[in-house]
Amino acid sequence: MDGNFAKQVVDANSKMLNALAGLQKINERIMKELAEQQFNNADTLVKTGSGQISSLANLKTVEDVAQAQANMVSQMGQLIVSNARQTLDLLTRSQAEVSTFIEKNVSEMVDQVKTQSV
């Protein structure tokens, strides 16, 4: 087996492993951000629910209770929309990052093949 060919195979395998490691780092960061976002949303839900229960103690009429419930539903709706927007933003940024990463690695591999074939 030609020593130069063996070196090329080792280099190609090394680059592929580095690319996989890079993709894994991106994946880990995305999952961490998503988990943090979900924990923040859960915290907000608990605080909103606690605030709602606290406010019920001071209400005197059925109309006041209905208004408090309507406010809570509105807050929850805003939280759900905000969560969806944050998740979409994270996924969009992640997709762009992965695409850029893959394009860079493919370009480097093509350049390496061109250099070695000359």
N, C-alpha and C. Protein backbone atom coordinates (compact mmCIF):
# COMPACT_ATOMS: atom_id res chain seq x y z
N MET A 1 0.85 -1.18 0.00
CA MET A 1 0.00 0.00 0.00
C MET A 1 0.89 1.23 0.00
N ASP A 2 0.57 2.16 -0.83
CA ASP A 2 1.32 3.40 -0.96
C ASP A 2 1.20 4.22 0.33
N GLY A 3 2.35 4.69 0.85
CA GLY A 3 2.35 5.48 2.09
C GLY A 3 1.59 6.77 1.96
N ASN A 4 1.65 7.40 0.79
CA ASN A 4 0.94 8.66 0.57
C ASN A 4 -0.58 8.43 0.59
N PHE A 5 -1.01 7.32 -0.02
CA PHE A 5 -2.43 7.01 -0.02
C PHE A 5 -2.93 6.74 1.40
N ALA A 6 -2.14 6.00 2.17
CA ALA A 6 -2.52 5.71 3.56
C ALA A 6 -2.65 7.00 4.35
N LYS A 7 -1.73 7.93 4.14
CA LYS A 7 -1.78 9.22 4.84
C LYS A 7 -3.05 9.98 4.44
N GLN A 8 -3.39 9.93 3.16
CA GLN A 8 -4.60 10.61 2.69
C GLN A 8 -5.86 10.02 3.34
N VAL A 9 -5.89 8.70 3.47
CA VAL A 9 -7.03 8.04 4.10
C VAL A 9 -7.12 8.44 5.57
N VAL A 10 -5.98 8.44 6.26
CA VAL A 10 -5.95 8.84 7.67
C VAL A 10 -6.39 10.29 7.81
N ASP A 11 -5.90 11.16 6.94
CA ASP A 11 -6.29 12.58 6.99
C ASP A 11 -7.79 12.75 6.75
N ALA A 12 -8.32 12.02 5.77
CA ALA A 12 -9.75 12.12 5.47
C ALA A 12 -10.59 11.63 6.65
N ASN A 13 -10.17 10.51 7.25
CA ASN A 13 -10.89 10.00 8.42
C ASN A 13 -10.82 10.98 9.59
N SER A 14 -9.66 11.59 9.76
CA SER A 14 -9.49 12.57 10.84
C SER A 14 -10.41 13.77 10.63
N LYS A 15 -10.48 14.24 9.40
CA LYS A 15 -11.36 15.38 9.09
C LYS A 15 -12.83 15.02 9.33
N MET A 16 -13.21 13.80 8.95
CA MET A 16 -14.60 13.38 9.17
C MET A 16 -14.91 13.29 10.66
N LEU A 17 -13.98 12.77 11.45
CA LEU A 17 -14.20 12.69 12.89
C LEU A 17 -14.29 14.08 13.50
N ASN A 18 -13.45 15.00 13.03
CA ASN A 18 -13.51 16.38 13.51
C ASN A 18 -14.85 17.02 13.15
N ALA A 19 -15.33 16.72 11.95
CA ALA A 19 -16.62 17.26 11.52
C ALA A 19 -17.74 16.71 12.40
N LEU A 20 -17.70 15.42 12.69
CA LEU A 20 -18.72 14.83 13.56
C LEU A 20 -18.66 15.43 14.96
N ALA A 21 -17.44 15.65 15.46
CA ALA A 21 -17.29 16.26 16.79
C ALA A 21 -17.85 17.69 16.78
N GLY A 22 -17.61 18.41 15.70
CA GLY A 22 -18.15 19.77 15.58
C GLY A 22 -19.67 19.78 15.55
N LEU A 23 -20.25 18.85 14.80
CA LEU A 23 -21.71 18.75 14.76
C LEU A 23 -22.28 18.36 16.13
N GLN A 24 -21.57 17.50 16.84
CA GLN A 24 -22.02 17.10 18.18
C GLN A 24 -22.00 18.30 19.13
N LYS A 25 -20.99 19.15 19.03
CA LYS A 25 -20.93 20.35 19.88
C LYS A 25 -22.10 21.28 19.59
N ILE A 26 -22.40 21.45 18.31
CA ILE A 26 -23.55 22.29 17.93
C ILE A 26 -24.83 21.69 18.51
N ASN A 27 -24.99 20.39 18.37
CA ASN A 27 -26.18 19.71 18.88
C ASN A 27 -26.30 19.86 20.39
N GLU A 28 -25.20 19.69 21.11
CA GLU A 28 -25.23 19.83 22.57
C GLU A 28 -25.63 21.24 22.98
N ARG A 29 -25.09 22.24 22.30
CA ARG A 29 -25.41 23.63 22.64
C ARG A 29 -26.89 23.92 22.37
N ILE A 30 -27.39 23.43 21.24
CA ILE A 30 -28.80 23.63 20.89
C ILE A 30 -29.70 22.99 21.95
N MET A 31 -29.39 21.77 22.33
CA MET A 31 -30.21 21.08 23.33
C MET A 31 -30.16 21.80 24.67
N LYS A 32 -28.99 22.32 25.03
CA LYS A 32 -28.86 23.06 26.29
C LYS A 32 -29.72 24.33 26.25
N GLU A 33 -29.64 25.06 25.14
CA GLU A 33 -30.45 26.28 25.01
C GLU A 33 -31.94 25.96 25.06
N LEU A 34 -32.33 24.89 24.39
CA LEU A 34 -33.74 24.50 24.39
C LEU A 34 -34.21 24.11 25.79
N ALA A 35 -33.37 23.37 26.52
CA ALA A 35 -33.73 22.97 27.88
C ALA A 35 -33.84 24.20 28.79
N GLU A 36 -32.90 25.14 28.66
CA GLU A 36 -32.96 26.37 29.45
C GLU A 36 -34.25 27.14 29.16
N GLN A 37 -34.59 27.21 27.89
CA GLN A 37 -35.82 27.91 27.49
C GLN A 37 -37.04 27.24 28.13
N GLN A 38 -37.07 25.93 28.11
CA GLN A 38 -38.22 25.22 28.69
C GLN A 38 -38.29 25.39 30.21
N PHE A 39 -37.13 25.38 30.88
CA PHE A 39 -37.12 25.62 32.32
C PHE A 39 -37.61 27.03 32.64
N ASN A 40 -37.18 28.00 31.85
CA ASN A 40 -37.65 29.38 32.06
C ASN A 40 -39.17 29.48 31.87
N ASN A 41 -39.67 28.79 30.86
CA ASN A 41 -41.11 28.80 30.62
C ASN A 41 -41.87 28.13 31.76
N ALA A 42 -41.35 27.03 32.26
CA ALA A 42 -41.99 26.35 33.39
C ALA A 42 -42.01 27.25 34.61
N ASP A 43 -40.91 27.96 34.85
CA ASP A 43 -40.84 28.89 35.98
C ASP A 43 -41.88 29.99 35.84
N THR A 44 -42.01 30.52 34.63
CA THR A 44 -43.00 31.57 34.39
C THR A 44 -44.42 31.05 34.60
N LEU A 45 -44.68 29.82 34.15
CA LEU A 45 -46.00 29.23 34.36
C LEU A 45 -46.33 29.09 35.84
N VAL A 46 -45.36 28.63 36.62
CA VAL A 46 -45.58 28.46 38.06
C VAL A 46 -45.84 29.81 38.71
N LYS A 47 -45.04 30.81 38.35
CA LYS A 47 -45.22 32.15 38.93
C LYS A 47 -46.58 32.74 38.55
N THR A 48 -46.97 32.55 37.30
CA THR A 48 -48.27 33.06 36.85
C THR A 48 -49.41 32.37 37.60
N GLY A 49 -49.31 31.06 37.73
CA GLY A 49 -50.34 30.32 38.46
C GLY A 49 -50.41 30.71 39.93
N SER A 50 -49.24 30.89 40.54
CA SER A 50 -49.21 31.32 41.95
C SER A 50 -49.81 32.71 42.11
N GLY A 51 -49.47 33.58 41.20
CA GLY A 51 -50.03 34.94 41.24
C GLY A 51 -51.54 34.92 41.08
N GLN A 52 -52.01 34.04 40.22
CA GLN A 52 -53.45 33.91 40.00
C GLN A 52 -54.15 33.44 41.27
N ILE A 53 -53.60 32.45 41.91
CA ILE A 53 -54.19 31.94 43.15
C ILE A 53 -54.18 33.02 44.23
N SER A 54 -53.07 33.73 44.34
CA SER A 54 -52.99 34.82 45.33
C SER A 54 -54.02 35.90 45.06
N SER A 55 -54.21 36.23 43.79
CA SER A 55 -55.15 37.30 43.47
C SER A 55 -56.60 36.90 43.74
N LEU A 56 -56.89 35.62 43.67
CA LEU A 56 -58.26 35.17 43.91
C LEU A 56 -58.70 35.43 45.35
N ALA A 57 -57.76 35.45 46.27
CA ALA A 57 -58.11 35.67 47.68
C ALA A 57 -58.68 37.06 47.92
N ASN A 58 -58.31 38.02 47.10
CA ASN A 58 -58.75 39.40 47.28
C ASN A 58 -59.99 39.77 46.47
N LEU A 59 -60.48 38.84 45.68
CA LEU A 59 -61.61 39.16 44.81
C LEU A 59 -62.93 38.97 45.54
N LYS A 60 -63.86 39.85 45.24
CA LYS A 60 -65.15 39.86 45.96
C LYS A 60 -66.31 39.35 45.12
N THR A 61 -66.29 39.63 43.83
CA THR A 61 -67.45 39.30 42.99
C THR A 61 -67.09 38.27 41.93
N VAL A 62 -68.11 37.67 41.38
CA VAL A 62 -67.93 36.71 40.29
C VAL A 62 -67.29 37.40 39.08
N GLU A 63 -67.66 38.64 38.85
CA GLU A 63 -67.09 39.39 37.73
C GLU A 63 -65.58 39.59 37.92
N ASP A 64 -65.17 39.86 39.16
CA ASP A 64 -63.74 40.01 39.45
C ASP A 64 -62.98 38.71 39.18
N VAL A 65 -63.57 37.60 39.59
CA VAL A 65 -62.95 36.29 39.36
C VAL A 65 -62.86 36.02 37.86
N ALA A 66 -63.93 36.30 37.14
CA ALA A 66 -63.94 36.09 35.69
C ALA A 66 -62.87 36.95 35.02
N GLN A 67 -62.72 38.19 35.46
CA GLN A 67 -61.71 39.08 34.88
C GLN A 67 -60.30 38.57 35.19
N ALA A 68 -60.10 38.10 36.42
CA ALA A 68 -58.79 37.55 36.79
C ALA A 68 -58.46 36.31 35.95
N GLN A 69 -59.45 35.47 35.72
CA GLN A 69 -59.25 34.28 34.89
C GLN A 69 -58.93 34.68 33.45
N ALA A 70 -59.63 35.67 32.95
CA ALA A 70 -59.37 36.15 31.58
C ALA A 70 -57.96 36.69 31.46
N ASN A 71 -57.50 37.41 32.48
CA ASN A 71 -56.13 37.93 32.47
C ASN A 71 -55.12 36.79 32.46
N MET A 72 -55.38 35.74 33.26
CA MET A 72 -54.47 34.61 33.29
C MET A 72 -54.43 33.90 31.94
N VAL A 73 -55.58 33.71 31.33
CA VAL A 73 -55.62 33.07 30.00
C VAL A 73 -54.83 33.90 29.00
N SER A 74 -54.97 35.22 29.07
CA SER A 74 -54.22 36.10 28.18
C SER A 74 -52.72 35.97 28.41
N GLN A 75 -52.31 35.94 29.67
CA GLN A 75 -50.88 35.78 29.98
C GLN A 75 -50.35 34.45 29.48
N MET A 76 -51.12 33.39 29.67
CA MET A 76 -50.70 32.07 29.20
C MET A 76 -50.60 32.04 27.68
N GLY A 77 -51.55 32.66 27.01
CA GLY A 77 -51.49 32.73 25.55
C GLY A 77 -50.25 33.46 25.07
N GLN A 78 -49.92 34.56 25.73
CA GLN A 78 -48.71 35.31 25.37
C GLN A 78 -47.47 34.46 25.61
N LEU A 79 -47.46 33.71 26.71
CA LEU A 79 -46.32 32.84 27.01
C LEU A 79 -46.17 31.76 25.95
N ILE A 80 -47.26 31.16 25.54
CA ILE A 80 -47.21 30.11 24.52
C ILE A 80 -46.68 30.67 23.19
N VAL A 81 -47.17 31.83 22.79
CA VAL A 81 -46.71 32.45 21.55
C VAL A 81 -45.22 32.81 21.65
N SER A 82 -44.83 33.36 22.79
CA SER A 82 -43.42 33.72 23.00
C SER A 82 -42.53 32.47 22.94
N ASN A 83 -42.98 31.40 23.56
CA ASN A 83 -42.22 30.15 23.55
C ASN A 83 -42.08 29.63 22.12
N ALA A 84 -43.14 29.68 21.35
CA ALA A 84 -43.08 29.22 19.96
C ALA A 84 -42.11 30.07 19.14
N ARG A 85 -42.14 31.38 19.36
CA ARG A 85 -41.21 32.27 18.63
C ARG A 85 -39.76 31.99 19.01
N GLN A 86 -39.51 31.81 20.31
CA GLN A 86 -38.15 31.53 20.76
C GLN A 86 -37.65 30.20 20.19
N THR A 87 -38.52 29.21 20.18
CA THR A 87 -38.13 27.90 19.64
C THR A 87 -37.86 28.00 18.15
N LEU A 88 -38.70 28.70 17.41
CA LEU A 88 -38.48 28.88 15.98
C LEU A 88 -37.18 29.63 15.72
N ASP A 89 -36.90 30.65 16.50
CA ASP A 89 -35.66 31.41 16.36
C ASP A 89 -34.45 30.50 16.61
N LEU A 90 -34.51 29.70 17.66
CA LEU A 90 -33.42 28.79 17.98
C LEU A 90 -33.21 27.78 16.85
N LEU A 91 -34.28 27.22 16.34
CA LEU A 91 -34.16 26.25 15.25
C LEU A 91 -33.62 26.89 13.98
N THR A 92 -34.04 28.11 13.69
CA THR A 92 -33.55 28.82 12.50
C THR A 92 -32.06 29.10 12.62
N ARG A 93 -31.64 29.61 13.79
CA ARG A 93 -30.22 29.88 14.00
C ARG A 93 -29.40 28.60 13.93
N SER A 94 -29.93 27.53 14.50
CA SER A 94 -29.23 26.25 14.52
C SER A 94 -29.08 25.69 13.11
N GLN A 95 -30.14 25.78 12.32
CA GLN A 95 -30.09 25.29 10.95
C GLN A 95 -29.04 26.06 10.15
N ALA A 96 -29.00 27.36 10.33
CA ALA A 96 -28.01 28.18 9.62
C ALA A 96 -26.59 27.80 10.06
N GLU A 97 -26.41 27.58 11.35
CA GLU A 97 -25.09 27.22 11.86
C GLU A 97 -24.63 25.87 11.33
N VAL A 98 -25.53 24.90 11.31
CA VAL A 98 -25.18 23.57 10.79
C VAL A 98 -24.89 23.66 9.29
N SER A 99 -25.67 24.39 8.54
CA SER A 99 -25.44 24.54 7.10
C SER A 99 -24.08 25.17 6.82
N THR A 100 -23.76 26.22 7.55
CA THR A 100 -22.46 26.88 7.39
C THR A 100 -21.33 25.92 7.73
N PHE A 101 -21.49 25.18 8.81
CA PHE A 101 -20.47 24.23 9.24
C PHE A 101 -20.25 23.16 8.18
N ILE A 102 -21.33 22.61 7.65
CA ILE A 102 -21.22 21.55 6.63
C ILE A 102 -20.60 22.10 5.35
N GLU A 103 -21.04 23.27 4.91
CA GLU A 103 -20.46 23.87 3.70
C GLU A 103 -18.96 24.08 3.85
N LYS A 104 -18.55 24.56 5.01
CA LYS A 104 -17.12 24.80 5.27
C LYS A 104 -16.34 23.49 5.19
N ASN A 105 -16.86 22.44 5.83
CA ASN A 105 -16.16 21.16 5.84
C ASN A 105 -16.12 20.52 4.47
N VAL A 106 -17.21 20.59 3.72
CA VAL A 106 -17.22 20.04 2.37
C VAL A 106 -16.23 20.79 1.49
N SER A 107 -16.21 22.10 1.62
CA SER A 107 -15.28 22.92 0.83
C SER A 107 -13.83 22.56 1.15
N GLU A 108 -13.54 22.37 2.43
CA GLU A 108 -12.18 21.99 2.82
C GLU A 108 -11.80 20.63 2.25
N MET A 109 -12.74 19.67 2.27
CA MET A 109 -12.46 18.34 1.72
C MET A 109 -12.24 18.40 0.21
N VAL A 110 -13.04 19.19 -0.48
CA VAL A 110 -12.88 19.34 -1.93
C VAL A 110 -11.52 19.95 -2.24
N ASP A 111 -11.15 20.99 -1.49
CA ASP A 111 -9.85 21.62 -1.69
C ASP A 111 -8.71 20.63 -1.44
N GLN A 112 -8.87 19.80 -0.42
CA GLN A 112 -7.84 18.81 -0.11
C GLN A 112 -7.71 17.79 -1.24
N VAL A 113 -8.84 17.34 -1.76
CA VAL A 113 -8.81 16.37 -2.87
C VAL A 113 -8.15 16.99 -4.09
N LYS A 114 -8.49 18.25 -4.39
CA LYS A 114 -7.90 18.93 -5.54
C LYS A 114 -6.39 19.06 -5.37
N THR A 115 -5.96 19.41 -4.17
CA THR A 115 -4.53 19.58 -3.89
C THR A 115 -3.78 18.26 -4.03
N GLN A 116 -4.37 17.19 -3.54
CA GLN A 116 -3.70 15.90 -3.55
C GLN A 116 -3.73 15.23 -4.92
N SER A 117 -4.66 15.63 -5.76
CA SER A 117 -4.74 15.01 -7.09
C SER A 117 -3.82 15.68 -8.10
N VAL A 118 -3.24 16.82 -7.70
CA VAL A 118 -2.37 17.54 -8.63
C VAL A 118 -0.98 16.99 -8.59
